[in-house]
N, C-alpha and C. Protein backbone atom coordinates (compact mmCIF):
# COMPACT_ATOMS: atom_id res chain seq x y z
N UNK A 1 119.75 41.53 107.43
CA UNK A 1 118.66 42.13 106.71
C UNK A 1 118.27 43.45 107.38
N UNK A 2 118.05 44.45 106.56
CA UNK A 2 117.63 45.74 107.10
C UNK A 2 116.23 46.07 106.62
N UNK A 3 115.59 46.91 107.37
CA UNK A 3 114.27 47.38 107.00
C UNK A 3 114.39 48.77 106.42
N UNK A 4 113.55 49.07 105.47
CA UNK A 4 113.60 50.37 104.82
C UNK A 4 112.20 50.99 104.77
N UNK A 5 112.21 52.30 104.60
CA UNK A 5 110.98 53.05 104.38
C UNK A 5 111.23 53.88 103.13
N UNK A 6 110.29 53.83 102.21
CA UNK A 6 110.40 54.61 100.98
C UNK A 6 109.09 55.32 100.72
N UNK A 7 109.21 56.48 100.08
CA UNK A 7 108.03 57.24 99.68
C UNK A 7 108.43 58.12 98.51
N UNK A 8 107.45 58.50 97.73
CA UNK A 8 107.70 59.46 96.66
C UNK A 8 106.82 60.67 96.91
N UNK A 9 107.43 61.85 96.79
CA UNK A 9 106.69 63.10 96.93
C UNK A 9 106.95 63.94 95.68
N UNK A 10 106.05 64.87 95.43
CA UNK A 10 106.25 65.82 94.35
C UNK A 10 106.71 67.13 94.98
N UNK A 11 107.85 67.63 94.52
CA UNK A 11 108.38 68.90 95.00
C UNK A 11 108.40 69.89 93.84
N UNK A 12 108.33 71.16 94.19
CA UNK A 12 108.52 72.21 93.20
C UNK A 12 109.96 72.65 93.24
N UNK A 13 110.64 72.56 92.12
CA UNK A 13 112.01 73.05 91.98
C UNK A 13 111.88 74.51 91.56
N UNK A 14 112.23 75.42 92.47
CA UNK A 14 112.04 76.85 92.26
C UNK A 14 113.27 77.42 91.56
N UNK A 15 113.16 77.60 90.25
CA UNK A 15 114.26 78.10 89.44
C UNK A 15 114.40 79.61 89.63
N UNK A 16 113.26 80.31 89.65
CA UNK A 16 113.24 81.76 89.87
C UNK A 16 111.88 82.11 90.44
N UNK A 17 111.63 83.40 90.67
CA UNK A 17 110.33 83.84 91.18
C UNK A 17 109.20 83.43 90.23
N UNK A 18 109.49 83.41 88.93
CA UNK A 18 108.47 83.14 87.92
C UNK A 18 108.46 81.71 87.40
N UNK A 19 109.50 80.93 87.68
CA UNK A 19 109.62 79.62 87.05
C UNK A 19 109.86 78.51 88.08
N UNK A 20 109.01 77.50 88.03
CA UNK A 20 109.16 76.34 88.91
C UNK A 20 108.77 75.08 88.15
N UNK A 21 109.43 73.97 88.46
CA UNK A 21 109.13 72.68 87.87
C UNK A 21 108.70 71.72 88.96
N UNK A 22 107.66 70.96 88.71
CA UNK A 22 107.25 69.91 89.65
C UNK A 22 108.04 68.66 89.30
N UNK A 23 108.72 68.10 90.29
CA UNK A 23 109.54 66.91 90.05
C UNK A 23 109.26 65.85 91.11
N UNK A 24 109.38 64.57 90.73
CA UNK A 24 109.25 63.50 91.72
C UNK A 24 110.55 63.37 92.51
N UNK A 25 110.40 63.17 93.80
CA UNK A 25 111.56 62.98 94.68
C UNK A 25 111.32 61.72 95.50
N UNK A 26 112.28 60.82 95.47
CA UNK A 26 112.21 59.57 96.23
C UNK A 26 112.81 59.80 97.61
N UNK A 27 112.06 59.49 98.65
CA UNK A 27 112.55 59.55 100.03
C UNK A 27 112.90 58.14 100.47
N UNK A 28 114.08 57.98 101.07
CA UNK A 28 114.53 56.66 101.51
C UNK A 28 115.10 56.73 102.92
N UNK A 29 114.79 55.71 103.70
CA UNK A 29 115.35 55.52 105.04
C UNK A 29 115.71 54.06 105.16
N UNK A 30 116.89 53.79 105.69
CA UNK A 30 117.37 52.43 105.88
C UNK A 30 117.75 52.27 107.34
N UNK A 31 117.19 51.26 108.00
CA UNK A 31 117.47 51.07 109.43
C UNK A 31 118.94 50.77 109.70
N UNK A 32 119.70 50.38 108.67
CA UNK A 32 121.14 50.15 108.85
C UNK A 32 121.89 51.47 109.02
N UNK A 33 121.29 52.58 108.60
CA UNK A 33 121.85 53.92 108.75
C UNK A 33 120.76 54.81 109.34
N UNK A 34 120.40 54.58 110.62
CA UNK A 34 119.18 55.17 111.17
C UNK A 34 119.21 56.68 111.40
N UNK A 35 120.37 57.30 111.28
CA UNK A 35 120.44 58.74 111.49
C UNK A 35 120.14 59.52 110.21
N UNK A 36 120.13 58.87 109.07
CA UNK A 36 120.06 59.57 107.78
C UNK A 36 118.78 59.29 107.02
N UNK A 37 118.40 60.28 106.22
CA UNK A 37 117.39 60.10 105.19
C UNK A 37 118.05 60.47 103.87
N UNK A 38 117.56 59.89 102.80
CA UNK A 38 118.10 60.20 101.47
C UNK A 38 116.97 60.69 100.58
N UNK A 39 117.26 61.75 99.85
CA UNK A 39 116.32 62.29 98.89
C UNK A 39 116.96 62.17 97.51
N UNK A 40 116.28 61.52 96.60
CA UNK A 40 116.78 61.38 95.23
C UNK A 40 115.90 62.23 94.33
N UNK A 41 116.52 63.26 93.76
CA UNK A 41 115.83 64.22 92.89
C UNK A 41 115.98 63.76 91.45
N UNK A 42 114.86 63.63 90.77
CA UNK A 42 114.86 63.21 89.37
C UNK A 42 114.54 64.43 88.51
N UNK A 43 115.57 65.25 88.25
CA UNK A 43 115.40 66.47 87.47
C UNK A 43 115.27 66.15 85.99
N UNK A 44 114.36 66.84 85.29
CA UNK A 44 114.17 66.57 83.86
C UNK A 44 115.47 66.76 83.07
N UNK A 45 115.80 65.78 82.22
CA UNK A 45 116.97 65.89 81.36
C UNK A 45 118.29 65.72 82.07
N UNK A 46 118.28 65.26 83.30
CA UNK A 46 119.51 65.09 84.06
C UNK A 46 119.48 63.74 84.76
N UNK A 47 120.65 63.27 85.19
CA UNK A 47 120.68 62.03 85.96
C UNK A 47 120.20 62.31 87.38
N UNK A 48 119.53 61.36 88.00
CA UNK A 48 119.05 61.57 89.37
C UNK A 48 120.21 61.92 90.32
N UNK A 49 119.91 62.78 91.28
CA UNK A 49 120.90 63.23 92.25
C UNK A 49 120.37 62.89 93.64
N UNK A 50 121.22 62.24 94.46
CA UNK A 50 120.82 61.85 95.81
C UNK A 50 121.57 62.68 96.84
N UNK A 51 120.82 63.19 97.80
CA UNK A 51 121.38 63.90 98.95
C UNK A 51 121.02 63.12 100.20
N UNK A 52 121.98 62.97 101.10
CA UNK A 52 121.73 62.32 102.40
C UNK A 52 121.99 63.36 103.48
N UNK A 53 121.08 63.40 104.43
CA UNK A 53 121.28 64.29 105.57
C UNK A 53 120.51 63.75 106.77
N UNK A 54 120.65 64.41 107.88
CA UNK A 54 120.10 63.96 109.15
C UNK A 54 118.57 63.88 109.13
N UNK A 55 118.07 62.77 109.62
CA UNK A 55 116.62 62.61 109.78
C UNK A 55 116.09 63.66 110.75
N UNK A 56 116.86 63.95 111.78
CA UNK A 56 116.46 64.95 112.77
C UNK A 56 116.39 66.35 112.15
N UNK A 57 117.28 66.64 111.21
CA UNK A 57 117.25 67.92 110.51
C UNK A 57 115.93 68.08 109.75
N UNK A 58 115.49 67.02 109.08
CA UNK A 58 114.22 67.10 108.36
C UNK A 58 113.07 67.35 109.32
N UNK A 59 113.08 66.65 110.44
CA UNK A 59 112.03 66.82 111.44
C UNK A 59 112.02 68.24 111.99
N UNK A 60 113.18 68.74 112.37
CA UNK A 60 113.28 70.10 112.92
C UNK A 60 112.83 71.14 111.90
N UNK A 61 113.17 70.94 110.63
CA UNK A 61 112.85 71.90 109.59
C UNK A 61 111.36 72.03 109.29
N UNK A 62 110.56 71.09 109.78
CA UNK A 62 109.11 71.19 109.59
C UNK A 62 108.51 72.33 110.40
N UNK A 63 109.16 72.68 111.52
CA UNK A 63 108.57 73.68 112.42
C UNK A 63 109.42 74.93 112.60
N UNK A 64 110.71 74.88 112.22
CA UNK A 64 111.56 76.06 112.39
C UNK A 64 112.74 75.98 111.44
N UNK A 65 113.34 77.12 111.09
CA UNK A 65 114.52 77.07 110.22
C UNK A 65 115.61 76.20 110.85
N UNK A 66 116.15 75.27 110.08
CA UNK A 66 117.13 74.32 110.60
C UNK A 66 118.21 74.06 109.55
N UNK A 67 119.38 73.73 110.04
CA UNK A 67 120.48 73.36 109.17
C UNK A 67 121.46 74.50 108.97
N UNK A 68 122.68 74.11 108.72
CA UNK A 68 123.75 75.06 108.45
C UNK A 68 124.52 74.54 107.25
N UNK A 69 125.09 75.44 106.50
CA UNK A 69 125.93 75.01 105.39
C UNK A 69 125.14 74.58 104.17
N UNK A 70 125.37 73.36 103.71
CA UNK A 70 124.85 72.90 102.42
C UNK A 70 123.35 72.56 102.43
N UNK A 71 122.79 72.24 103.57
CA UNK A 71 121.38 71.84 103.64
C UNK A 71 120.66 72.71 104.67
N UNK A 72 119.58 73.37 104.21
CA UNK A 72 118.73 74.16 105.10
C UNK A 72 117.29 73.77 104.82
N UNK A 73 116.52 73.60 105.89
CA UNK A 73 115.11 73.25 105.76
C UNK A 73 114.34 74.17 106.68
N UNK A 74 113.24 74.72 106.15
CA UNK A 74 112.43 75.61 106.98
C UNK A 74 111.00 75.68 106.47
N UNK A 75 110.07 75.93 107.41
CA UNK A 75 108.67 76.06 106.97
C UNK A 75 108.51 77.34 106.14
N UNK A 76 107.56 77.31 105.21
CA UNK A 76 107.36 78.47 104.35
C UNK A 76 106.55 79.57 105.03
N UNK A 77 105.80 79.20 106.04
CA UNK A 77 104.98 80.19 106.73
C UNK A 77 104.78 79.81 108.18
N UNK A 78 103.97 80.57 108.86
CA UNK A 78 103.76 80.34 110.29
C UNK A 78 102.71 79.30 110.60
N UNK A 79 101.97 78.84 109.60
CA UNK A 79 100.88 77.90 109.85
C UNK A 79 101.38 76.51 110.18
N UNK A 80 100.57 75.77 110.93
CA UNK A 80 100.89 74.39 111.28
C UNK A 80 100.89 73.54 110.02
N UNK A 81 101.95 72.78 109.81
CA UNK A 81 102.12 71.90 108.66
C UNK A 81 102.00 72.65 107.32
N UNK A 82 102.64 73.82 107.28
CA UNK A 82 102.68 74.56 106.03
C UNK A 82 103.66 73.87 105.09
N UNK A 83 103.82 74.44 103.90
CA UNK A 83 104.83 73.92 102.99
C UNK A 83 106.21 74.12 103.61
N UNK A 84 107.18 73.39 103.08
CA UNK A 84 108.54 73.44 103.59
C UNK A 84 109.49 73.77 102.44
N UNK A 85 110.46 74.63 102.71
CA UNK A 85 111.53 74.90 101.75
C UNK A 85 112.72 74.04 102.09
N UNK A 86 113.31 73.42 101.08
CA UNK A 86 114.56 72.67 101.24
C UNK A 86 115.58 73.32 100.31
N UNK A 87 116.64 73.84 100.89
CA UNK A 87 117.69 74.49 100.11
C UNK A 87 118.95 73.64 100.16
N UNK A 88 119.48 73.32 98.98
CA UNK A 88 120.69 72.51 98.86
C UNK A 88 121.73 73.34 98.13
N UNK A 89 122.95 73.36 98.66
CA UNK A 89 123.98 74.20 98.07
C UNK A 89 125.29 73.45 97.93
N UNK A 90 125.93 73.63 96.76
CA UNK A 90 127.27 73.12 96.51
C UNK A 90 128.06 74.29 95.95
N UNK A 91 129.05 74.74 96.72
CA UNK A 91 129.82 75.91 96.30
C UNK A 91 128.89 77.10 96.17
N UNK A 92 128.92 77.76 95.02
CA UNK A 92 128.06 78.92 94.80
C UNK A 92 126.72 78.54 94.17
N UNK A 93 126.55 77.26 93.83
CA UNK A 93 125.31 76.78 93.21
C UNK A 93 124.30 76.38 94.28
N UNK A 94 123.06 76.85 94.12
CA UNK A 94 122.02 76.53 95.10
C UNK A 94 120.76 76.09 94.38
N UNK A 95 120.09 75.09 94.95
CA UNK A 95 118.80 74.63 94.43
C UNK A 95 117.78 74.76 95.56
N UNK A 96 116.62 75.32 95.23
CA UNK A 96 115.58 75.54 96.23
C UNK A 96 114.34 74.74 95.82
N UNK A 97 113.80 73.98 96.77
CA UNK A 97 112.63 73.14 96.54
C UNK A 97 111.55 73.50 97.56
N UNK A 98 110.30 73.34 97.13
CA UNK A 98 109.16 73.55 98.03
C UNK A 98 108.32 72.28 98.00
N UNK A 99 107.94 71.82 99.20
CA UNK A 99 107.18 70.58 99.31
C UNK A 99 106.13 70.73 100.40
N UNK A 100 105.04 70.05 100.22
CA UNK A 100 103.99 70.02 101.22
C UNK A 100 104.49 69.25 102.45
N UNK A 101 104.22 69.75 103.64
CA UNK A 101 104.72 69.11 104.86
C UNK A 101 104.08 67.77 105.18
N UNK A 102 102.76 67.57 104.98
CA UNK A 102 102.16 66.29 105.40
C UNK A 102 102.83 65.03 104.85
N UNK A 103 103.26 64.97 103.57
CA UNK A 103 103.94 63.75 103.13
C UNK A 103 105.28 63.52 103.85
N UNK A 104 105.97 64.60 104.19
CA UNK A 104 107.23 64.46 104.95
C UNK A 104 106.94 63.94 106.36
N UNK A 105 105.87 64.47 106.97
CA UNK A 105 105.48 64.02 108.31
C UNK A 105 105.12 62.53 108.27
N UNK A 106 104.37 62.12 107.26
CA UNK A 106 103.99 60.70 107.14
C UNK A 106 105.23 59.82 106.97
N UNK A 107 106.17 60.26 106.13
CA UNK A 107 107.42 59.51 105.93
C UNK A 107 108.20 59.41 107.23
N UNK A 108 108.38 60.53 107.93
CA UNK A 108 109.13 60.53 109.19
C UNK A 108 108.43 59.68 110.25
N UNK A 109 107.11 59.69 110.25
CA UNK A 109 106.37 58.85 111.19
C UNK A 109 106.65 57.37 110.94
N UNK A 110 106.69 56.99 109.67
CA UNK A 110 107.00 55.59 109.33
C UNK A 110 108.43 55.23 109.73
N UNK A 111 109.39 56.17 109.57
CA UNK A 111 110.77 55.88 109.98
C UNK A 111 110.85 55.74 111.49
N UNK A 112 110.05 56.57 112.19
CA UNK A 112 110.07 56.54 113.66
C UNK A 112 109.48 55.24 114.19
N UNK A 113 108.50 54.69 113.49
CA UNK A 113 107.95 53.40 113.91
C UNK A 113 108.95 52.27 113.70
N UNK A 114 109.80 52.42 112.69
CA UNK A 114 110.83 51.41 112.41
C UNK A 114 112.01 51.55 113.38
N UNK A 115 112.53 52.77 113.52
CA UNK A 115 113.63 53.08 114.45
C UNK A 115 113.27 54.39 115.13
N UNK A 116 112.78 54.34 116.37
CA UNK A 116 112.38 55.57 117.04
C UNK A 116 113.55 56.57 117.17
N UNK A 117 113.22 57.86 116.95
CA UNK A 117 114.24 58.90 117.13
C UNK A 117 114.77 58.84 118.55
N UNK A 118 116.05 58.88 118.69
CA UNK A 118 116.70 58.79 119.99
C UNK A 118 117.04 57.37 120.39
N UNK A 119 116.53 56.39 119.66
CA UNK A 119 116.80 54.99 119.98
C UNK A 119 117.68 54.34 118.93
N UNK A 120 118.34 55.16 118.10
CA UNK A 120 119.22 54.61 117.07
C UNK A 120 120.38 53.89 117.75
N UNK A 121 120.81 52.81 117.16
CA UNK A 121 121.94 52.06 117.68
C UNK A 121 123.00 51.96 116.60
N UNK A 122 124.25 51.95 117.04
CA UNK A 122 125.33 51.76 116.08
C UNK A 122 125.22 50.34 115.54
N UNK A 123 125.42 50.20 114.25
CA UNK A 123 125.26 48.87 113.66
C UNK A 123 126.25 47.88 114.26
N UNK A 124 125.86 46.62 114.29
CA UNK A 124 126.65 45.57 114.92
C UNK A 124 128.04 45.45 114.32
N UNK A 125 128.18 45.63 113.02
CA UNK A 125 129.49 45.45 112.40
C UNK A 125 130.47 46.51 112.88
N UNK A 126 130.01 47.75 113.07
CA UNK A 126 130.89 48.80 113.57
C UNK A 126 131.28 48.50 115.02
N UNK A 127 130.31 48.08 115.81
CA UNK A 127 130.59 47.75 117.20
C UNK A 127 131.61 46.60 117.30
N UNK A 128 131.44 45.59 116.49
CA UNK A 128 132.36 44.45 116.49
C UNK A 128 133.76 44.89 116.06
N UNK A 129 133.84 45.75 115.08
CA UNK A 129 135.14 46.25 114.62
C UNK A 129 135.83 47.07 115.70
N UNK A 130 135.09 47.92 116.39
CA UNK A 130 135.67 48.70 117.49
C UNK A 130 136.17 47.79 118.61
N UNK A 131 135.39 46.76 118.94
CA UNK A 131 135.80 45.80 119.97
C UNK A 131 137.11 45.12 119.59
N UNK A 132 137.22 44.73 118.31
CA UNK A 132 138.44 44.07 117.83
C UNK A 132 139.64 45.01 117.94
N UNK A 133 139.49 46.25 117.52
CA UNK A 133 140.59 47.22 117.57
C UNK A 133 141.02 47.48 119.00
N UNK A 134 140.06 47.66 119.90
CA UNK A 134 140.39 47.91 121.31
C UNK A 134 141.05 46.69 121.95
N UNK A 135 140.58 45.50 121.58
CA UNK A 135 141.18 44.27 122.11
C UNK A 135 142.65 44.14 121.66
N UNK A 136 142.89 44.40 120.38
CA UNK A 136 144.26 44.32 119.86
C UNK A 136 145.15 45.39 120.50
N UNK A 137 144.60 46.57 120.73
CA UNK A 137 145.38 47.65 121.34
C UNK A 137 145.76 47.30 122.78
N UNK A 138 144.86 46.67 123.51
CA UNK A 138 145.16 46.31 124.90
C UNK A 138 146.20 45.18 124.98
N UNK A 139 146.19 44.28 123.98
CA UNK A 139 147.18 43.21 123.94
C UNK A 139 148.56 43.73 123.59
N UNK A 140 148.60 44.76 122.74
CA UNK A 140 149.89 45.32 122.30
C UNK A 140 150.52 46.18 123.39
N UNK A 141 149.72 46.74 124.28
CA UNK A 141 150.22 47.68 125.29
C UNK A 141 150.51 47.03 126.55
């Protein structure tokens, strides 16, 4: 059995300088995969889209620009707990979202109470599988 943390936040999907849509986004954390958070975007007229990325990336992005490649998170301004921009990119397509920082902080705090950052452990099944492979390799050699 695993423990999970879930929350829903409202984000602004920034289509252009003049156009933005407010959309619900489901935040999910599962202690079976303690390094990751999942965001499920429910865009109007489209099927929900889920992105998974590092929990630490989300935390870092609250206070400074963070991430490389497909996922970038950064505060919108210099103020403490300002809004946060989340940029997601696939190929040449990019989606930009703006969200208030306090709900993200509350979500991350709940994940930290469940599995403290830095105290993540590899799941038992992976550890058992590695032990089996190493045991078989030592017997064969």
